[in-house]
Amino acid sequence: MEKINVAIIGSGFIAEHHCHAYNLLPNVEIIGISSLEEDKAKELMNKYNISGKLVKNYEDLLKIDCEAISVCVPNFLHKKITIDVLNSGKHAFVEKPLAKTVSEAADMLEAEKTSNCKIFYCENNMYAPSFRKVKEILEEGALGQIYMGRGKEQHSGPHSAWFYKQKEAGGGALLDLGIHDIACLVWYLDCDVKEVFCQIKTIIPDREKFGNCEVEDNAVGVLYFENDAQVIIEESWTAPSGYDMRFELYGTEGQVKVAPTFSNLMSVYSETGYGYAVEKARTTKGWTFPVPAESWSFGYPQEIAHFIDCIINNKEPLTNGKFSQKILTVVETMYRSSKTNKIEEVLYE
């Protein structure tokens, strides 16, 4: 079994998912982490028995001999760091969104072309077991022609201040959550989005310790697909009940509903509360719906395992840089629609 060395830039919530996923693979070793928050990085290294280097400057990490680096940093750093990773001769596992804008994404794809390395786009929902089962059902033709649907993601809001700043994040709930739904829906329907309509709002502008919310915390949109399907997406950072995501798809021969969160797989009632239920849940008092093996249920280990297999066997990933740019183009068009208050055509590069 070929051994693969990897490194991670970042030490926050998503970096932990990458650490966990890498640790499950016997032929993968994390040989370095770069983070400006040294204490958080040390916690990850202790928790996952990482014996590699800890460096503050990510450019020092680029000098380490490894095959791939996970880019787990805020949106505004994606472009520069990803290009630097590629130019150092390493593959880049880039968290969503690929970049703040389509223009930035184009620069990253250009660097990919000249580097002889690949961008692996981290869209974990497309690797989640429940969502992949939906794809299998659709491929078997069980639902007939899909003509309508709904995608939804909501929680109470991110836990880092940069998410709420336009310059650093590039967008709010639509870019953060909607990009998941759009990617899955394009994958499910196996065709592109032709036109979009979108409305956005900021419901809670004061985010207390995180400061003022400069981006939308709610978005509703309609995706008009090339096969004439119409699908509504709803994205929210103002739902105080923990992470909730789901899809409903309606076809001429059937329908499917899937929700790995707030499902009846497990339900708990507690008057005192307990440790952890699901991402973004502020309390575990009262009725809660814990997600067992959350990282696995949300597709993170499967995603990383797929990427490693692609490196070893020189295969094209399910979610590559070009795919991520396409999804970002849909999001950018939705923002344009929110300003014009009109249906807008999606113009791909």
Protein backbone atom coordinates (compact mmCIF):
# COMPACT_ATOMS: atom_id res chain seq x y z
CA MET A 1 0.00 0.00 0.00
CA GLU A 2 1.51 3.28 -1.12
CA LYS A 3 2.15 5.71 1.72
CA ILE A 4 0.96 9.30 1.35
CA ASN A 5 2.25 12.20 3.45
CA VAL A 6 -0.06 15.16 3.95
CA ALA A 7 -0.11 18.46 5.84
CA ILE A 8 -2.82 20.85 7.02
CA ILE A 9 -3.03 24.64 6.97
CA GLY A 10 -5.45 25.77 9.65
CA SER A 11 -6.53 24.44 13.05
CA GLY A 12 -10.23 25.29 13.33
CA PHE A 13 -13.45 23.30 13.11
CA ILE A 14 -12.95 22.03 9.56
CA ALA A 15 -9.27 21.22 10.11
CA GLU A 16 -10.33 18.79 12.83
CA HIS A 17 -12.55 16.93 10.35
CA HIS A 18 -9.52 16.59 8.06
CA CYS A 19 -7.35 15.32 10.93
CA HIS A 20 -9.99 12.73 11.83
CA ALA A 21 -10.39 11.63 8.20
CA TYR A 22 -6.64 11.27 7.61
CA ASN A 23 -6.25 9.32 10.85
CA LEU A 24 -8.68 6.66 9.58
CA LEU A 25 -6.42 5.85 6.63
CA PRO A 26 -3.55 3.48 7.47
CA ASN A 27 -1.43 4.63 4.52
CA VAL A 28 -1.67 8.36 5.31
CA GLU A 29 0.49 10.33 7.73
CA ILE A 30 0.02 13.95 8.75
CA ILE A 31 3.55 15.31 8.84
CA GLY A 32 2.83 18.95 9.58
CA ILE A 33 0.30 21.59 10.60
CA SER A 34 0.51 25.33 10.09
CA SER A 35 -1.61 27.65 12.23
CA LEU A 36 -1.50 31.16 13.65
CA GLU A 37 -3.32 29.75 16.69
CA GLU A 38 -0.63 27.57 18.20
CA ASP A 39 -2.68 26.32 21.15
CA LYS A 40 -5.47 25.03 18.90
CA ALA A 41 -2.96 23.33 16.63
CA LYS A 42 -1.29 21.65 19.60
CA GLU A 43 -4.68 20.37 20.78
CA LEU A 44 -5.29 18.78 17.38
CA MET A 45 -1.84 17.26 17.32
CA ASN A 46 -2.29 15.75 20.78
CA LYS A 47 -5.83 14.52 20.06
CA TYR A 48 -4.87 12.80 16.80
CA ASN A 49 -1.33 11.74 17.77
CA ILE A 50 0.28 13.89 15.10
CA SER A 51 4.03 13.86 15.53
CA GLY A 52 4.84 16.11 12.57
CA LYS A 53 5.98 19.72 12.54
CA LEU A 54 3.97 22.64 13.90
CA VAL A 55 4.80 25.91 12.14
CA LYS A 56 3.21 29.34 12.30
CA ASN A 57 4.02 30.46 8.75
CA TYR A 58 2.35 28.23 6.16
CA GLU A 59 5.17 28.98 3.70
CA ASP A 60 7.46 26.95 5.94
CA LEU A 61 5.03 24.05 5.63
CA LEU A 62 5.33 24.18 1.84
CA LYS A 63 8.98 23.18 2.17
CA ILE A 64 8.04 19.86 3.80
CA ASP A 65 8.09 16.78 1.56
CA CYS A 66 4.48 15.67 1.15
CA GLU A 67 1.97 14.87 -1.59
CA ALA A 68 -1.00 17.03 -0.54
CA ILE A 69 -1.99 19.88 1.76
CA SER A 70 -5.44 20.59 3.18
CA VAL A 71 -6.38 24.26 2.89
CA CYS A 72 -8.65 24.82 5.91
CA VAL A 73 -8.54 28.62 6.19
CA PRO A 74 -10.97 31.57 5.83
CA ASN A 75 -12.35 32.29 2.35
CA PHE A 76 -10.19 35.36 1.69
CA LEU A 77 -7.04 33.23 2.02
CA HIS A 78 -8.12 30.44 -0.33
CA LYS A 79 -6.77 31.94 -3.54
CA LYS A 80 -3.24 32.85 -2.42
CA ILE A 81 -2.63 29.81 -0.26
CA THR A 82 -4.00 27.35 -2.82
CA ILE A 83 -1.85 28.83 -5.58
CA ASP A 84 1.19 28.69 -3.31
CA VAL A 85 0.45 25.04 -2.47
CA LEU A 86 0.11 24.12 -6.15
CA ASN A 87 3.26 25.99 -7.10
CA SER A 88 5.17 24.14 -4.38
CA GLY A 89 4.41 20.89 -6.22
CA LYS A 90 1.66 19.63 -3.93
CA HIS A 91 -1.99 18.82 -4.49
CA ALA A 92 -4.45 21.13 -2.71
CA PHE A 93 -7.52 19.86 -0.83
CA VAL A 94 -9.52 23.10 -0.73
CA GLU A 95 -12.54 23.58 1.50
CA LYS A 96 -15.71 25.16 0.15
CA PRO A 97 -16.22 27.66 -1.32
CA LEU A 98 -13.26 27.36 -3.66
CA ALA A 99 -12.87 31.16 -3.56
CA LYS A 100 -14.78 34.35 -2.84
CA THR A 101 -15.43 35.04 -6.53
CA VAL A 102 -15.42 33.30 -9.91
CA SER A 103 -12.51 35.53 -10.94
CA GLU A 104 -10.41 34.29 -8.02
CA ALA A 105 -11.38 30.72 -8.89
CA ALA A 106 -10.20 31.26 -12.48
CA ASP A 107 -6.77 32.33 -11.20
CA MET A 108 -6.59 29.19 -9.06
CA LEU A 109 -7.51 26.96 -12.00
CA GLU A 110 -4.86 28.64 -14.11
CA ALA A 111 -2.28 27.84 -11.43
CA GLU A 112 -3.53 24.25 -11.41
CA LYS A 113 -2.88 23.98 -15.18
CA THR A 114 0.72 25.15 -14.91
CA SER A 115 1.61 23.31 -11.71
CA ASN A 116 1.05 19.69 -12.76
CA CYS A 117 -0.88 19.28 -9.50
CA LYS A 118 -4.61 19.09 -8.80
CA ILE A 119 -7.25 20.98 -6.87
CA PHE A 120 -9.47 18.58 -4.94
CA TYR A 121 -12.64 20.44 -3.96
CA CYS A 122 -14.00 19.56 -0.53
CA GLU A 123 -17.77 19.26 -0.96
CA ASN A 124 -18.42 16.79 1.84
CA ASN A 125 -22.19 16.49 1.31
CA MET A 126 -21.62 14.72 -2.01
CA TYR A 127 -19.75 12.01 -0.10
CA ALA A 128 -22.25 11.66 2.77
CA PRO A 129 -23.83 8.16 2.89
CA SER A 130 -27.46 9.31 2.91
CA PHE A 131 -26.96 11.77 0.05
CA ARG A 132 -25.02 9.22 -2.00
CA LYS A 133 -27.90 6.76 -1.58
CA VAL A 134 -30.19 9.39 -3.10
CA LYS A 135 -27.84 9.59 -6.09
CA GLU A 136 -27.98 5.80 -6.53
CA ILE A 137 -31.79 5.86 -6.47
CA LEU A 138 -31.88 8.63 -9.06
CA GLU A 139 -29.42 6.81 -11.33
CA GLU A 140 -31.66 3.74 -11.25
CA GLY A 141 -34.50 5.88 -12.59
CA ALA A 142 -36.72 5.18 -9.58
CA LEU A 143 -38.15 8.70 -9.51
CA GLY A 144 -38.56 9.21 -13.25
CA GLN A 145 -38.06 12.77 -14.52
CA ILE A 146 -37.26 15.21 -11.70
CA TYR A 147 -39.39 18.32 -12.12
CA MET A 148 -39.34 20.00 -8.70
CA GLY A 149 -37.45 19.95 -5.43
CA ARG A 150 -36.17 21.71 -2.35
CA GLY A 151 -32.81 22.01 -0.64
CA LYS A 152 -32.39 23.47 2.83
CA GLU A 153 -29.57 24.19 5.26
CA GLN A 154 -29.84 26.17 8.44
CA HIS A 155 -28.22 26.81 11.81
CA SER A 156 -27.71 29.72 14.19
CA GLY A 157 -24.62 31.10 12.45
CA PRO A 158 -20.87 30.42 12.20
CA HIS A 159 -18.55 30.53 15.21
CA SER A 160 -15.84 32.77 13.75
CA ALA A 161 -16.00 36.53 13.24
CA TRP A 162 -14.61 36.51 9.67
CA PHE A 163 -17.73 34.76 8.33
CA TYR A 164 -19.75 37.93 9.00
CA LYS A 165 -17.42 40.30 7.13
CA GLN A 166 -17.97 40.92 3.41
CA LYS A 167 -14.29 41.50 2.59
CA GLU A 168 -13.14 38.33 4.31
CA ALA A 169 -16.02 35.96 3.55
CA GLY A 170 -17.25 37.22 0.17
CA GLY A 171 -20.85 36.41 1.10
CA GLY A 172 -23.06 35.06 3.84
CA ALA A 173 -25.48 32.16 4.23
CA LEU A 174 -25.86 31.71 0.46
CA LEU A 175 -22.11 31.29 -0.13
CA ASP A 176 -21.57 29.32 3.08
CA LEU A 177 -24.55 26.95 3.00
CA GLY A 178 -26.20 27.39 -0.39
CA ILE A 179 -23.08 26.26 -2.18
CA HIS A 180 -23.58 22.81 -0.60
CA ASP A 181 -27.14 22.53 -1.88
CA ILE A 182 -26.33 23.75 -5.38
CA ALA A 183 -23.44 21.29 -5.74
CA CYS A 184 -25.59 18.35 -4.66
CA LEU A 185 -28.49 19.38 -6.87
CA VAL A 186 -26.32 19.75 -9.98
CA TRP A 187 -24.91 16.30 -9.17
CA TYR A 188 -28.36 14.81 -8.55
CA LEU A 189 -30.00 16.17 -11.70
CA ASP A 190 -26.86 15.63 -13.78
CA CYS A 191 -27.36 18.89 -15.65
CA ASP A 192 -26.48 22.55 -15.20
CA VAL A 193 -28.47 25.41 -13.74
CA LYS A 194 -29.77 27.59 -16.58
CA GLU A 195 -31.30 30.53 -14.69
CA VAL A 196 -31.74 31.65 -11.08
CA PHE A 197 -33.83 33.94 -8.94
CA CYS A 198 -32.76 34.93 -5.44
CA GLN A 199 -33.66 37.17 -2.50
CA ILE A 200 -31.41 37.76 0.49
CA LYS A 201 -31.87 39.42 3.90
CA THR A 202 -29.97 40.17 7.09
CA ILE A 203 -32.28 39.35 9.99
CA ILE A 204 -29.83 39.64 12.91
CA PRO A 205 -27.25 42.36 12.12
CA ASP A 206 -25.76 42.40 15.64
CA ARG A 207 -23.77 39.21 16.18
CA GLU A 208 -22.57 40.21 19.67
CA LYS A 209 -18.96 39.02 20.16
CA PHE A 210 -18.56 38.57 16.39
CA GLY A 211 -19.56 42.16 15.64
CA ASN A 212 -21.84 43.48 12.91
CA CYS A 213 -23.07 41.08 10.25
CA GLU A 214 -22.15 42.68 6.90
CA VAL A 215 -23.49 39.81 4.78
CA GLU A 216 -26.84 38.10 4.32
CA ASP A 217 -27.86 35.67 7.04
CA ASN A 218 -30.86 34.35 5.06
CA ALA A 219 -31.33 33.52 1.40
CA VAL A 220 -34.10 31.99 -0.67
CA GLY A 221 -33.58 31.10 -4.31
CA VAL A 222 -35.00 29.21 -7.26
CA LEU A 223 -32.75 27.19 -9.55
CA TYR A 224 -34.04 26.62 -13.07
CA PHE A 225 -32.25 23.59 -14.54
CA GLU A 226 -31.58 22.72 -18.17
CA ASN A 227 -34.00 19.78 -17.88
CA ASP A 228 -36.77 22.25 -16.85
CA ALA A 229 -36.73 21.22 -13.17
CA GLN A 230 -37.37 24.03 -10.67
CA VAL A 231 -35.76 23.67 -7.25
CA ILE A 232 -36.04 26.02 -4.29
CA ILE A 233 -33.14 26.42 -1.87
CA GLU A 234 -33.39 27.98 1.60
CA GLU A 235 -30.33 28.99 3.59
CA SER A 236 -30.30 30.46 7.09
CA TRP A 237 -27.91 31.54 9.83
CA THR A 238 -30.74 32.49 12.21
CA ALA A 239 -32.16 29.09 13.24
CA PRO A 240 -31.25 28.46 16.92
CA SER A 241 -31.78 24.71 16.83
CA GLY A 242 -28.53 23.22 15.55
CA TYR A 243 -27.49 22.18 12.06
CA ASP A 244 -30.37 21.09 9.83
CA MET A 245 -29.95 20.02 6.21
CA ARG A 246 -32.31 18.17 3.88
CA PHE A 247 -33.45 17.59 0.34
CA GLU A 248 -36.80 16.81 -1.25
CA LEU A 249 -36.94 15.77 -4.90
CA TYR A 250 -40.14 15.12 -6.85
CA GLY A 251 -40.26 13.10 -10.06
CA THR A 252 -42.85 11.73 -12.45
CA GLU A 253 -42.46 8.24 -10.93
CA GLY A 254 -41.77 9.01 -7.28
CA GLN A 255 -40.21 11.25 -4.65
CA VAL A 256 -37.41 11.17 -2.11
CA LYS A 257 -36.82 13.02 1.16
CA VAL A 258 -33.48 12.87 2.95
CA ALA A 259 -32.33 14.53 6.16
CA PRO A 260 -29.25 13.26 8.02
CA THR A 261 -29.99 15.82 10.76
CA PHE A 262 -33.20 16.14 12.78
CA SER A 263 -34.03 12.57 11.77
CA ASN A 264 -35.71 9.93 13.90
CA LEU A 265 -32.59 7.75 13.95
CA MET A 266 -32.05 8.92 17.53
CA SER A 267 -34.01 11.30 19.74
CA VAL A 268 -33.12 12.31 23.29
CA TYR A 269 -35.01 14.23 25.95
CA SER A 270 -32.96 15.68 28.84
CA GLU A 271 -33.82 18.34 31.42
CA THR A 272 -30.18 18.75 32.41
CA GLY A 273 -28.53 18.45 29.00
CA TYR A 274 -25.47 16.50 27.92
CA GLY A 275 -22.21 17.01 26.04
CA TYR A 276 -22.76 17.24 22.29
CA ALA A 277 -25.60 16.58 19.87
CA VAL A 278 -24.79 18.09 16.50
CA GLU A 279 -22.87 20.98 14.96
CA LYS A 280 -24.12 24.47 16.00
CA ALA A 281 -26.58 23.19 18.64
CA ARG A 282 -26.29 25.65 21.55
CA THR A 283 -27.98 23.44 24.12
CA THR A 284 -28.80 19.78 24.67
CA LYS A 285 -31.68 20.42 27.07
CA GLY A 286 -35.16 19.29 26.03
CA TRP A 287 -35.62 17.23 22.88
CA THR A 288 -32.50 16.81 20.74
CA PHE A 289 -31.60 14.70 17.72
CA PRO A 290 -27.94 13.67 17.97
CA VAL A 291 -26.12 12.63 14.81
CA PRO A 292 -24.09 9.47 15.51
CA ALA A 293 -20.60 9.44 13.95
CA GLU A 294 -21.21 12.99 12.73
CA SER A 295 -18.08 13.28 10.62
CA TRP A 296 -18.91 10.02 8.82
CA SER A 297 -22.58 10.96 8.41
CA PHE A 298 -21.54 14.25 6.80
CA GLY A 299 -19.07 12.58 4.42
CA TYR A 300 -15.71 13.98 5.53
CA PRO A 301 -13.73 10.70 5.84
CA GLN A 302 -15.19 9.33 2.60
CA GLU A 303 -14.26 12.53 0.79
CA ILE A 304 -10.63 12.43 1.96
CA ALA A 305 -10.35 8.69 1.24
CA HIS A 306 -11.57 9.36 -2.32
CA PHE A 307 -9.00 12.12 -2.81
CA ILE A 308 -6.14 9.93 -1.57
CA ASP A 309 -7.25 7.14 -3.90
CA CYS A 310 -7.28 9.62 -6.79
CA ILE A 311 -3.70 10.67 -6.01
CA ILE A 312 -2.44 7.09 -5.76
CA ASN A 313 -4.22 5.91 -8.91
CA ASN A 314 -4.06 9.19 -10.87
CA LYS A 315 -7.85 9.45 -11.16
CA GLU A 316 -10.03 12.51 -11.59
CA PRO A 317 -11.98 13.34 -8.40
CA LEU A 318 -15.76 13.57 -8.27
CA THR A 319 -15.35 17.18 -7.11
CA ASN A 320 -12.54 18.95 -8.94
CA GLY A 321 -11.60 22.59 -9.42
CA LYS A 322 -13.67 23.04 -12.56
CA PHE A 323 -16.78 21.70 -10.85
CA SER A 324 -16.29 24.06 -7.91
CA GLN A 325 -15.93 27.04 -10.25
CA LYS A 326 -19.20 26.09 -11.94
CA ILE A 327 -21.04 25.99 -8.61
CA LEU A 328 -19.49 29.33 -7.60
CA THR A 329 -20.76 30.81 -10.88
CA VAL A 330 -24.31 29.84 -9.91
CA VAL A 331 -23.89 31.48 -6.50
CA GLU A 332 -22.47 34.65 -8.03
CA THR A 333 -25.43 34.83 -10.44
CA MET A 334 -27.83 34.45 -7.51
CA TYR A 335 -26.22 37.45 -5.82
CA ARG A 336 -26.73 39.38 -9.04
CA SER A 337 -30.38 38.35 -9.07
CA SER A 338 -30.80 39.54 -5.49
CA LYS A 339 -29.72 43.01 -6.63
CA THR A 340 -31.74 43.20 -9.87
CA ASN A 341 -34.76 41.39 -8.40
CA LYS A 342 -35.00 39.53 -11.71
CA ILE A 343 -34.43 36.04 -13.03
CA GLU A 344 -30.82 35.98 -14.23
CA GLU A 345 -29.14 33.70 -16.77
CA VAL A 346 -26.12 31.73 -15.52
CA LEU A 347 -23.19 32.44 -17.82
CA TYR A 348 -20.43 29.85 -17.41
CA GLU A 349 -16.84 30.49 -18.47
